[in-house]
Amino acid sequence: MSRTVYVNGEFLPEEDAKISIFDRGFLFADGVYEVSTILDGKLVDNAAHLARLQRSLGELAIPLPCTMEELEAIQHELIKRNNIDAGSVYIQVTRGAEDRNFLWSEGLKPSLVLFTQTRGAKMDSVAEVGLNVVSQPDIRWQRRDIKTVALLPASMAKKKAIADGANDAWLVEDGFITEGTSNNAHIITRDGKLITRALSNKILHGITRKAVLALADEAGLTVEERSFTPDEVKAAAEAFVTSATMFVAPVVSFDGTAIGDGKPGPFTKRLRELYIDFAKKSLS
């Protein structure tokens, strides 16, 4: 049975879903997106995701296609229609459609697309085994705080990492780690400090990142928000990534060097436990 998706006011079978070839999201990557995780048929920390969506739209001067209450109702209706217990809801908003022109017209009607995806057991196995990560140059644009659909550089970096025998890449700019291809990057030093890059236009303002940093003290960690180098990653006791889909996932090697003992560390495991507990309490 095919999924039910949502396109510009209609719930449709996925095979019947269509978007204009003149949509600026297709022609110019002129749009933003969000992904909210589903647990037990409900949404994790969804208010924070919708707030970030609103911020991204504001940064690009794309109007909201509907109210946030209406958007959340669409999310829940898709979960219900597709009978999703664990997975995610993807939201994409583009500036709208008109004949191709770098200078868009004012007053375009934004396009709104939502669909669900089912989550398997892969993320749980990643938490048990850990990720092997390699470094790659960060060639993305300078407004990474806006969650745009222009994901080709990140997609290429992830593809190359897989081809090189790793699971993902951490991106490097001016000698410092920015973030992963689709996640925020963190290390834990041998003296119990959680180091993560400070918020700026250089990285996405991760929703899971924010929640995990708030839980760090409970895990016995001191948070230090600053840039860190590839050499610091190799010397770290532990490393991990945060994202809506992976929650907290350990990184066990970087550029071929084992991090700590090359296995998921105790602080990372504890942070994952704390975050999952938080996620369950945030369901809506």
C-alpha atoms as a PDB file:
ATOM      1  CA  MET A   1       0.000   0.000   0.000  1.00  0.00           C
ATOM      2  CA  SER A   2       1.383   3.404  -0.970  1.00  0.00           C
ATOM      3  CA  ARG A   3       1.812   6.247   1.484  1.00  0.00           C
ATOM      4  CA  THR A   4      -0.545   9.136   1.775  1.00  0.00           C
ATOM      5  CA  VAL A   5       1.298  12.420   1.268  1.00  0.00           C
ATOM      6  CA  TYR A   6       0.254  16.061   1.432  1.00  0.00           C
ATOM      7  CA  VAL A   7       0.742  18.506  -1.450  1.00  0.00           C
ATOM      8  CA  ASN A   8      -0.629  22.039  -1.453  1.00  0.00           C
ATOM      9  CA  GLY A   9      -3.878  21.415   0.359  1.00  0.00           C
ATOM     10  CA  GLU A  10      -4.531  17.807  -0.649  1.00  0.00           C
ATOM     11  CA  PHE A  11      -3.902  14.407   0.915  1.00  0.00           C
ATOM     12  CA  LEU A  12      -2.956  12.116  -1.966  1.00  0.00           C
ATOM     13  CA  PRO A  13      -1.532   8.660  -2.713  1.00  0.00           C
ATOM     14  CA  GLU A  14       2.187   9.222  -3.274  1.00  0.00           C
ATOM     15  CA  GLU A  15       1.993   8.089  -6.904  1.00  0.00           C
ATOM     16  CA  ASP A  16      -0.533  10.857  -7.621  1.00  0.00           C
ATOM     17  CA  ALA A  17       1.493  13.635  -5.977  1.00  0.00           C
ATOM     18  CA  LYS A  18       2.744  16.320  -8.378  1.00  0.00           C
ATOM     19  CA  ILE A  19       4.553  19.643  -8.126  1.00  0.00           C
ATOM     20  CA  SER A  20       5.070  22.226 -10.869  1.00  0.00           C
ATOM     21  CA  ILE A  21       8.246  22.032 -12.951  1.00  0.00           C
ATOM     22  CA  PHE A  22       8.406  25.789 -12.398  1.00  0.00           C
ATOM     23  CA  ASP A  23       8.512  25.481  -8.616  1.00  0.00           C
ATOM     24  CA  ARG A  24      11.470  27.507  -7.346  1.00  0.00           C
ATOM     25  CA  GLY A  25      12.414  24.699  -4.996  1.00  0.00           C
ATOM     26  CA  PHE A  26      13.055  22.555  -8.081  1.00  0.00           C
ATOM     27  CA  LEU A  27      14.735  25.270 -10.151  1.00  0.00           C
ATOM     28  CA  PHE A  28      16.675  27.213  -7.504  1.00  0.00           C
ATOM     29  CA  ALA A  29      16.599  25.159  -4.264  1.00  0.00           C
ATOM     30  CA  ASP A  30      14.566  28.127  -3.027  1.00  0.00           C
ATOM     31  CA  GLY A  31      12.971  26.482  -0.042  1.00  0.00           C
ATOM     32  CA  VAL A  32      13.420  25.090   3.451  1.00  0.00           C
ATOM     33  CA  TYR A  33      12.553  21.869   5.230  1.00  0.00           C
ATOM     34  CA  GLU A  34      12.158  20.263   8.630  1.00  0.00           C
ATOM     35  CA  VAL A  35      12.103  16.678   9.868  1.00  0.00           C
ATOM     36  CA  SER A  36      10.238  15.751  13.046  1.00  0.00           C
ATOM     37  CA  THR A  37      10.760  12.318  14.564  1.00  0.00           C
ATOM     38  CA  ILE A  38       7.835  10.041  15.377  1.00  0.00           C
ATOM     39  CA  LEU A  39       7.903   7.841  18.492  1.00  0.00           C
ATOM     40  CA  ASP A  40       4.914   5.789  19.607  1.00  0.00           C
ATOM     41  CA  GLY A  41       2.851   7.491  16.929  1.00  0.00           C
ATOM     42  CA  LYS A  42       3.578  10.976  18.271  1.00  0.00           C
ATOM     43  CA  LEU A  43       5.995  13.800  17.433  1.00  0.00           C
ATOM     44  CA  VAL A  44       9.245  14.447  19.326  1.00  0.00           C
ATOM     45  CA  ASP A  45       9.971  18.036  20.417  1.00  0.00           C
ATOM     46  CA  ASN A  46       7.825  19.192  17.517  1.00  0.00           C
ATOM     47  CA  ALA A  47       7.248  22.748  18.729  1.00  0.00           C
ATOM     48  CA  ALA A  48      11.001  23.388  18.483  1.00  0.00           C
ATOM     49  CA  HIS A  49      11.108  22.033  14.932  1.00  0.00           C
ATOM     50  CA  LEU A  50       8.193  24.179  13.830  1.00  0.00           C
ATOM     51  CA  ALA A  51       9.793  27.238  15.446  1.00  0.00           C
ATOM     52  CA  ARG A  52      13.011  26.575  13.497  1.00  0.00           C
ATOM     53  CA  LEU A  53      10.981  26.157  10.301  1.00  0.00           C
ATOM     54  CA  GLN A  54       9.394  29.535  10.928  1.00  0.00           C
ATOM     55  CA  ARG A  55      12.821  31.082  11.513  1.00  0.00           C
ATOM     56  CA  SER A  56      14.236  29.588   8.291  1.00  0.00           C
ATOM     57  CA  LEU A  57      11.287  30.902   6.301  1.00  0.00           C
ATOM     58  CA  GLY A  58      11.737  34.319   7.859  1.00  0.00           C
ATOM     59  CA  GLU A  59      15.427  34.447   6.927  1.00  0.00           C
ATOM     60  CA  LEU A  60      14.483  33.847   3.273  1.00  0.00           C
ATOM     61  CA  ALA A  61      11.349  36.055   3.387  1.00  0.00           C
ATOM     62  CA  ILE A  62       9.117  33.140   2.397  1.00  0.00           C
ATOM     63  CA  PRO A  63       5.649  33.544   3.913  1.00  0.00           C
ATOM     64  CA  LEU A  64       4.081  30.793   5.976  1.00  0.00           C
ATOM     65  CA  PRO A  65       1.752  28.745   3.741  1.00  0.00           C
ATOM     66  CA  CYS A  66      -0.622  28.090   6.665  1.00  0.00           C
ATOM     67  CA  THR A  67      -0.760  28.562  10.412  1.00  0.00           C
ATOM     68  CA  MET A  68       1.477  26.481  12.650  1.00  0.00           C
ATOM     69  CA  GLU A  69      -1.636  24.907  14.155  1.00  0.00           C
ATOM     70  CA  GLU A  70      -2.811  23.835  10.697  1.00  0.00           C
ATOM     71  CA  LEU A  71       0.649  22.495   9.872  1.00  0.00           C
ATOM     72  CA  GLU A  72       0.773  20.420  13.031  1.00  0.00           C
ATOM     73  CA  ALA A  73      -2.698  19.059  12.274  1.00  0.00           C
ATOM     74  CA  ILE A  74      -1.463  17.938   8.844  1.00  0.00           C
ATOM     75  CA  GLN A  75       1.490  16.184  10.473  1.00  0.00           C
ATOM     76  CA  HIS A  76      -0.783  14.252  12.817  1.00  0.00           C
ATOM     77  CA  GLU A  77      -3.214  13.369  10.044  1.00  0.00           C
ATOM     78  CA  LEU A  78      -0.380  11.890   7.957  1.00  0.00           C
ATOM     79  CA  ILE A  79       0.830   9.841  10.943  1.00  0.00           C
ATOM     80  CA  LYS A  80      -2.717   8.543  11.388  1.00  0.00           C
ATOM     81  CA  ARG A  81      -3.355   7.792   7.703  1.00  0.00           C
ATOM     82  CA  ASN A  82      -0.020   6.022   7.276  1.00  0.00           C
ATOM     83  CA  ASN A  83      -0.209   4.259  10.633  1.00  0.00           C
ATOM     84  CA  ILE A  84       3.349   5.254  11.598  1.00  0.00           C
ATOM     85  CA  ASP A  85       4.571   4.183  15.020  1.00  0.00           C
ATOM     86  CA  ALA A  86       8.256   5.072  14.581  1.00  0.00           C
ATOM     87  CA  GLY A  87       9.662   7.233  11.826  1.00  0.00           C
ATOM     88  CA  SER A  88       9.550  10.854  10.750  1.00  0.00           C
ATOM     89  CA  VAL A  89       7.474  13.549   9.085  1.00  0.00           C
ATOM     90  CA  TYR A  90       9.228  15.615   6.421  1.00  0.00           C
ATOM     91  CA  ILE A  91       8.008  19.174   5.753  1.00  0.00           C
ATOM     92  CA  GLN A  92       9.125  21.238   2.760  1.00  0.00           C
ATOM     93  CA  VAL A  93       8.117  24.803   1.965  1.00  0.00           C
ATOM     94  CA  THR A  94       9.284  26.535  -1.203  1.00  0.00           C
ATOM     95  CA  ARG A  95       8.739  30.088  -2.418  1.00  0.00           C
ATOM     96  CA  GLY A  96       6.290  28.872  -5.063  1.00  0.00           C
ATOM     97  CA  ALA A  97       6.060  28.476  -8.833  1.00  0.00           C
ATOM     98  CA  GLU A  98       6.442  30.873 -11.752  1.00  0.00           C
ATOM     99  CA  ASP A  99       8.385  30.997 -15.014  1.00  0.00           C
ATOM    100  CA  ARG A 100      12.130  30.664 -14.402  1.00  0.00           C
ATOM    101  CA  ASN A 101      13.630  33.979 -13.304  1.00  0.00           C
ATOM    102  CA  PHE A 102      16.414  34.756 -10.835  1.00  0.00           C
ATOM    103  CA  LEU A 103      14.337  37.700  -9.586  1.00  0.00           C
ATOM    104  CA  TRP A 104      11.175  36.182  -8.159  1.00  0.00           C
ATOM    105  CA  SER A 105       7.871  38.006  -8.180  1.00  0.00           C
ATOM    106  CA  GLU A 106       6.346  39.290  -4.970  1.00  0.00           C
ATOM    107  CA  GLY A 107       3.226  37.586  -3.720  1.00  0.00           C
ATOM    108  CA  LEU A 108       3.985  34.052  -4.901  1.00  0.00           C
ATOM    109  CA  LYS A 109       1.961  31.330  -3.225  1.00  0.00           C
ATOM    110  CA  PRO A 110       4.347  29.055  -1.299  1.00  0.00           C
ATOM    111  CA  SER A 111       4.339  25.327  -2.034  1.00  0.00           C
ATOM    112  CA  LEU A 112       3.846  22.978   0.915  1.00  0.00           C
ATOM    113  CA  VAL A 113       4.729  19.280   0.828  1.00  0.00           C
ATOM    114  CA  LEU A 114       4.710  16.749   3.676  1.00  0.00           C
ATOM    115  CA  PHE A 115       5.344  13.008   3.771  1.00  0.00           C
ATOM    116  CA  THR A 116       6.157  10.342   6.347  1.00  0.00           C
ATOM    117  CA  GLN A 117       8.982   7.816   6.480  1.00  0.00           C
ATOM    118  CA  THR A 118       9.137   4.651   8.572  1.00  0.00           C
ATOM    119  CA  ARG A 119      12.146   4.172  10.800  1.00  0.00           C
ATOM    120  CA  GLY A 120      13.750   0.739  11.029  1.00  0.00           C
ATOM    121  CA  ALA A 121      16.232  -0.722  13.493  1.00  0.00           C
ATOM    122  CA  LYS A 122      19.264   0.775  11.721  1.00  0.00           C
ATOM    123  CA  MET A 123      19.653   3.712  14.105  1.00  0.00           C
ATOM    124  CA  ASP A 124      19.654   1.416  17.129  1.00  0.00           C
ATOM    125  CA  SER A 125      22.456  -0.673  15.617  1.00  0.00           C
ATOM    126  CA  VAL A 126      24.447   2.507  14.932  1.00  0.00           C
ATOM    127  CA  ALA A 127      24.187   3.401  18.609  1.00  0.00           C
ATOM    128  CA  GLU A 128      25.561  -0.008  19.571  1.00  0.00           C
ATOM    129  CA  VAL A 129      28.449  -0.101  17.093  1.00  0.00           C
ATOM    130  CA  GLY A 130      29.271   3.551  16.427  1.00  0.00           C
ATOM    131  CA  LEU A 131      30.156   5.532  13.324  1.00  0.00           C
ATOM    132  CA  ASN A 132      33.413   5.724  11.418  1.00  0.00           C
ATOM    133  CA  VAL A 133      33.846   9.299  10.235  1.00  0.00           C
ATOM    134  CA  VAL A 134      36.302  10.970   7.860  1.00  0.00           C
ATOM    135  CA  SER A 135      37.078  14.654   7.316  1.00  0.00           C
ATOM    136  CA  GLN A 136      36.216  16.539   4.143  1.00  0.00           C
ATOM    137  CA  PRO A 137      36.375  20.217   3.151  1.00  0.00           C
ATOM    138  CA  ASP A 138      33.220  22.183   3.889  1.00  0.00           C
ATOM    139  CA  ILE A 139      32.156  23.623   0.513  1.00  0.00           C
ATOM    140  CA  ARG A 140      28.636  24.694   1.510  1.00  0.00           C
ATOM    141  CA  TRP A 141      27.267  28.228   1.439  1.00  0.00           C
ATOM    142  CA  GLN A 142      27.689  30.549   4.422  1.00  0.00           C
ATOM    143  CA  ARG A 143      24.121  30.427   5.806  1.00  0.00           C
ATOM    144  CA  ARG A 144      24.038  26.913   7.229  1.00  0.00           C
ATOM    145  CA  ASP A 145      21.799  28.120  10.037  1.00  0.00           C
ATOM    146  CA  ILE A 146      18.949  28.185   7.493  1.00  0.00           C
ATOM    147  CA  LYS A 147      17.674  24.650   6.901  1.00  0.00           C
ATOM    148  CA  THR A 148      17.442  24.919   3.113  1.00  0.00           C
ATOM    149  CA  VAL A 149      16.828  22.166   0.583  1.00  0.00           C
ATOM    150  CA  ALA A 150      20.191  22.946  -1.087  1.00  0.00           C
ATOM    151  CA  LEU A 151      21.779  19.737   0.192  1.00  0.00           C
ATOM    152  CA  LEU A 152      23.932  18.683  -2.778  1.00  0.00           C
ATOM    153  CA  PRO A 153      27.324  19.456  -1.130  1.00  0.00           C
ATOM    154  CA  ALA A 154      26.334  17.497   1.979  1.00  0.00           C
ATOM    155  CA  SER A 155      24.981  14.659  -0.147  1.00  0.00           C
ATOM    156  CA  MET A 156      28.228  14.499  -2.144  1.00  0.00           C
ATOM    157  CA  ALA A 157      30.304  14.490   1.049  1.00  0.00           C
ATOM    158  CA  LYS A 158      28.273  11.631   2.522  1.00  0.00           C
ATOM    159  CA  LYS A 159      28.523   9.675  -0.733  1.00  0.00           C
ATOM    160  CA  LYS A 160      32.317  10.094  -0.821  1.00  0.00           C
ATOM    161  CA  ALA A 161      32.607   9.071   2.827  1.00  0.00           C
ATOM    162  CA  ILE A 162      30.757   5.834   2.075  1.00  0.00           C
ATOM    163  CA  ALA A 163      32.978   5.237  -0.970  1.00  0.00           C
ATOM    164  CA  ASP A 164      36.025   5.700   1.275  1.00  0.00           C
ATOM    165  CA  GLY A 165      34.771   3.012   3.647  1.00  0.00           C
ATOM    166  CA  ALA A 166      33.383   5.332   6.347  1.00  0.00           C
ATOM    167  CA  ASN A 167      29.825   6.021   7.506  1.00  0.00           C
ATOM    168  CA  ASP A 168      29.840   9.800   7.296  1.00  0.00           C
ATOM    169  CA  ALA A 169      31.987  12.928   7.024  1.00  0.00           C
ATOM    170  CA  TRP A 170      32.717  15.760   9.421  1.00  0.00           C
ATOM    171  CA  LEU A 171      33.251  18.947   7.463  1.00  0.00           C
ATOM    172  CA  VAL A 172      36.288  21.170   7.969  1.00  0.00           C
ATOM    173  CA  GLU A 173      36.612  24.893   7.298  1.00  0.00           C
ATOM    174  CA  ASP A 174      39.600  27.095   8.193  1.00  0.00           C
ATOM    175  CA  GLY A 175      41.122  24.233  10.166  1.00  0.00           C
ATOM    176  CA  PHE A 176      38.070  23.602  12.375  1.00  0.00           C
ATOM    177  CA  ILE A 177      35.212  21.119  12.334  1.00  0.00           C
ATOM    178  CA  THR A 178      31.882  22.708  11.427  1.00  0.00           C
ATOM    179  CA  GLU A 179      29.445  19.773  11.591  1.00  0.00           C
ATOM    180  CA  GLY A 180      28.532  16.463   9.984  1.00  0.00           C
ATOM    181  CA  THR A 181      26.762  16.136   6.657  1.00  0.00           C
ATOM    182  CA  SER A 182      23.361  15.900   8.362  1.00  0.00           C
ATOM    183  CA  ASN A 183      24.128  16.229  12.062  1.00  0.00           C
ATOM    184  CA  ASN A 184      25.902  18.313  14.689  1.00  0.00           C
ATOM    185  CA  ALA A 185      29.381  17.189  15.819  1.00  0.00           C
ATOM    186  CA  HIS A 186      30.583  16.884  19.408  1.00  0.00           C
ATOM    187  CA  ILE A 187      33.614  15.581  21.301  1.00  0.00           C
ATOM    188  CA  ILE A 188      34.185  14.729  24.956  1.00  0.00           C
ATOM    189  CA  THR A 189      37.633  15.453  26.322  1.00  0.00           C
ATOM    190  CA  ARG A 190      39.514  13.219  28.737  1.00  0.00           C
ATOM    191  CA  ASP A 191      38.774  15.658  31.576  1.00  0.00           C
ATOM    192  CA  GLY A 192      35.003  15.447  31.079  1.00  0.00           C
ATOM    193  CA  LYS A 193      34.204  18.453  28.907  1.00  0.00           C
ATOM    194  CA  LEU A 194      31.632  18.284  26.136  1.00  0.00           C
ATOM    195  CA  ILE A 195      33.003  20.453  23.321  1.00  0.00           C
ATOM    196  CA  THR A 196      30.708  21.573  20.529  1.00  0.00           C
ATOM    197  CA  ARG A 197      30.866  24.420  18.057  1.00  0.00           C
ATOM    198  CA  ALA A 198      29.064  27.590  19.124  1.00  0.00           C
ATOM    199  CA  LEU A 199      25.931  28.618  17.253  1.00  0.00           C
ATOM    200  CA  SER A 200      26.487  30.914  14.284  1.00  0.00           C
ATOM    201  CA  ASN A 201      25.750  31.038  10.561  1.00  0.00           C
ATOM    202  CA  LYS A 202      28.375  28.299  10.134  1.00  0.00           C
ATOM    203  CA  ILE A 203      26.232  25.443  11.509  1.00  0.00           C
ATOM    204  CA  LEU A 204      22.635  24.364  11.745  1.00  0.00           C
ATOM    205  CA  HIS A 205      21.067  25.221  15.064  1.00  0.00           C
ATOM    206  CA  GLY A 206      20.236  21.623  15.898  1.00  0.00           C
ATOM    207  CA  ILE A 207      17.076  20.885  17.879  1.00  0.00           C
ATOM    208  CA  THR A 208      18.539  17.652  19.257  1.00  0.00           C
ATOM    209  CA  ARG A 209      21.825  19.465  19.961  1.00  0.00           C
ATOM    210  CA  LYS A 210      19.993  22.013  22.100  1.00  0.00           C
ATOM    211  CA  ALA A 211      18.217  19.328  24.125  1.00  0.00           C
ATOM    212  CA  VAL A 212      21.390  17.268  24.638  1.00  0.00           C
ATOM    213  CA  LEU A 213      23.411  20.255  25.861  1.00  0.00           C
ATOM    214  CA  ALA A 214      20.691  20.945  28.420  1.00  0.00           C
ATOM    215  CA  LEU A 215      21.076  17.338  29.625  1.00  0.00           C
ATOM    216  CA  ALA A 216      24.888  17.384  29.824  1.00  0.00           C
ATOM    217  CA  ASP A 217      25.086  18.401  33.475  1.00  0.00           C
ATOM    218  CA  GLU A 218      22.903  15.436  34.441  1.00  0.00           C
ATOM    219  CA  ALA A 219      25.405  13.214  32.645  1.00  0.00           C
ATOM    220  CA  GLY A 220      28.292  14.723  34.610  1.00  0.00           C
ATOM    221  CA  LEU A 221      29.677  16.810  31.760  1.00  0.00           C
ATOM    222  CA  THR A 222      30.709  20.465  31.509  1.00  0.00           C
ATOM    223  CA  VAL A 223      29.705  22.111  28.215  1.00  0.00           C
ATOM    224  CA  GLU A 224      32.170  24.286  26.308  1.00  0.00           C
ATOM    225  CA  GLU A 225      30.843  25.844  23.105  1.00  0.00           C
ATOM    226  CA  ARG A 226      33.822  26.567  20.869  1.00  0.00           C
ATOM    227  CA  SER A 227      35.427  25.456  17.644  1.00  0.00           C
ATOM    228  CA  PHE A 228      37.626  22.365  17.730  1.00  0.00           C
ATOM    229  CA  THR A 229      40.169  20.863  15.351  1.00  0.00           C
ATOM    230  CA  PRO A 230      40.558  17.458  13.699  1.00  0.00           C
ATOM    231  CA  ASP A 231      43.533  16.784  16.002  1.00  0.00           C
ATOM    232  CA  GLU A 232      41.303  17.393  19.023  1.00  0.00           C
ATOM    233  CA  VAL A 233      38.857  14.852  17.666  1.00  0.00           C
ATOM    234  CA  LYS A 234      41.600  12.221  17.437  1.00  0.00           C
ATOM    235  CA  ALA A 235      42.739  12.983  20.997  1.00  0.00           C
ATOM    236  CA  ALA A 236      39.211  12.949  22.457  1.00  0.00           C
ATOM    237  CA  ALA A 237      37.927  10.350  24.884  1.00  0.00           C
ATOM    238  CA  GLU A 238      34.608  10.135  23.031  1.00  0.00           C
ATOM    239  CA  ALA A 239      32.817  11.725  20.098  1.00  0.00           C
ATOM    240  CA  PHE A 240      29.228  11.703  18.932  1.00  0.00           C
ATOM    241  CA  VAL A 241      26.685  13.286  16.632  1.00  0.00           C
ATOM    242  CA  THR A 242      23.185  14.560  17.318  1.00  0.00           C
ATOM    243  CA  SER A 243      20.269  14.733  14.899  1.00  0.00           C
ATOM    244  CA  ALA A 244      16.509  14.272  14.848  1.00  0.00           C
ATOM    245  CA  THR A 245      16.824  10.864  13.205  1.00  0.00           C
ATOM    246  CA  MET A 246      19.882   9.471  15.023  1.00  0.00           C
ATOM    247  CA  PHE A 247      19.284  11.107  18.416  1.00  0.00           C
ATOM    248  CA  VAL A 248      22.748  10.676  19.989  1.00  0.00           C
ATOM    249  CA  ALA A 249      25.040   8.383  17.991  1.00  0.00           C
ATOM    250  CA  PRO A 250      28.663   7.573  18.928  1.00  0.00           C
ATOM    251  CA  VAL A 251      31.601   8.219  16.622  1.00  0.00           C
ATOM    252  CA  VAL A 252      34.300   5.598  17.202  1.00  0.00           C
ATOM    253  CA  SER A 253      36.927   6.586  14.632  1.00  0.00           C
ATOM    254  CA  PHE A 254      38.010   9.704  12.767  1.00  0.00           C
ATOM    255  CA  ASP A 255      40.210   9.645   9.667  1.00  0.00           C
ATOM    256  CA  GLY A 256      41.255   6.113  10.576  1.00  0.00           C
ATOM    257  CA  THR A 257      42.226   6.909  14.181  1.00  0.00           C
ATOM    258  CA  ALA A 258      40.238   5.198  16.932  1.00  0.00           C
ATOM    259  CA  ILE A 259      38.571   7.598  19.361  1.00  0.00           C
ATOM    260  CA  GLY A 260      39.131   6.450  22.933  1.00  0.00           C
ATOM    261  CA  ASP A 261      39.076   2.651  22.870  1.00  0.00           C
ATOM    262  CA  GLY A 262      37.266   2.589  19.536  1.00  0.00           C
ATOM    263  CA  LYS A 263      33.909   1.731  21.098  1.00  0.00           C
ATOM    264  CA  PRO A 264      30.861   3.790  22.127  1.00  0.00           C
ATOM    265  CA  GLY A 265      31.821   5.546  25.362  1.00  0.00           C
ATOM    266  CA  PRO A 266      29.953   5.739  28.672  1.00  0.00           C
ATOM    267  CA  PHE A 267      29.140   9.458  28.463  1.00  0.00           C
ATOM    268  CA  THR A 268      27.690   9.066  24.970  1.00  0.00           C
ATOM    269  CA  LYS A 269      25.601   6.117  26.068  1.00  0.00           C
ATOM    270  CA  ARG A 270      24.318   8.084  29.045  1.00  0.00           C
ATOM    271  CA  LEU A 271      23.471  11.120  26.923  1.00  0.00           C
ATOM    272  CA  ARG A 272      21.531   8.888  24.534  1.00  0.00           C
ATOM    273  CA  GLU A 273      19.557   7.401  27.437  1.00  0.00           C
ATOM    274  CA  LEU A 274      18.796  10.855  28.815  1.00  0.00           C
ATOM    275  CA  TYR A 275      17.765  12.183  25.416  1.00  0.00           C
ATOM    276  CA  ILE A 276      15.428   9.269  24.684  1.00  0.00           C
ATOM    277  CA  ASP A 277      13.786   9.849  28.071  1.00  0.00           C
ATOM    278  CA  PHE A 278      13.454  13.561  27.192  1.00  0.00           C
ATOM    279  CA  ALA A 279      12.067  12.697  23.758  1.00  0.00           C
ATOM    280  CA  LYS A 280       9.349  10.506  25.226  1.00  0.00           C
ATOM    281  CA  LYS A 281       8.335  13.250  27.639  1.00  0.00           C
ATOM    282  CA  SER A 282       8.155  15.783  24.768  1.00  0.00           C
ATOM    283  CA  LEU A 283       5.747  13.758  22.614  1.00  0.00           C
ATOM    284  CA  SER A 284       2.777  15.626  21.225  1.00  0.00           C
END
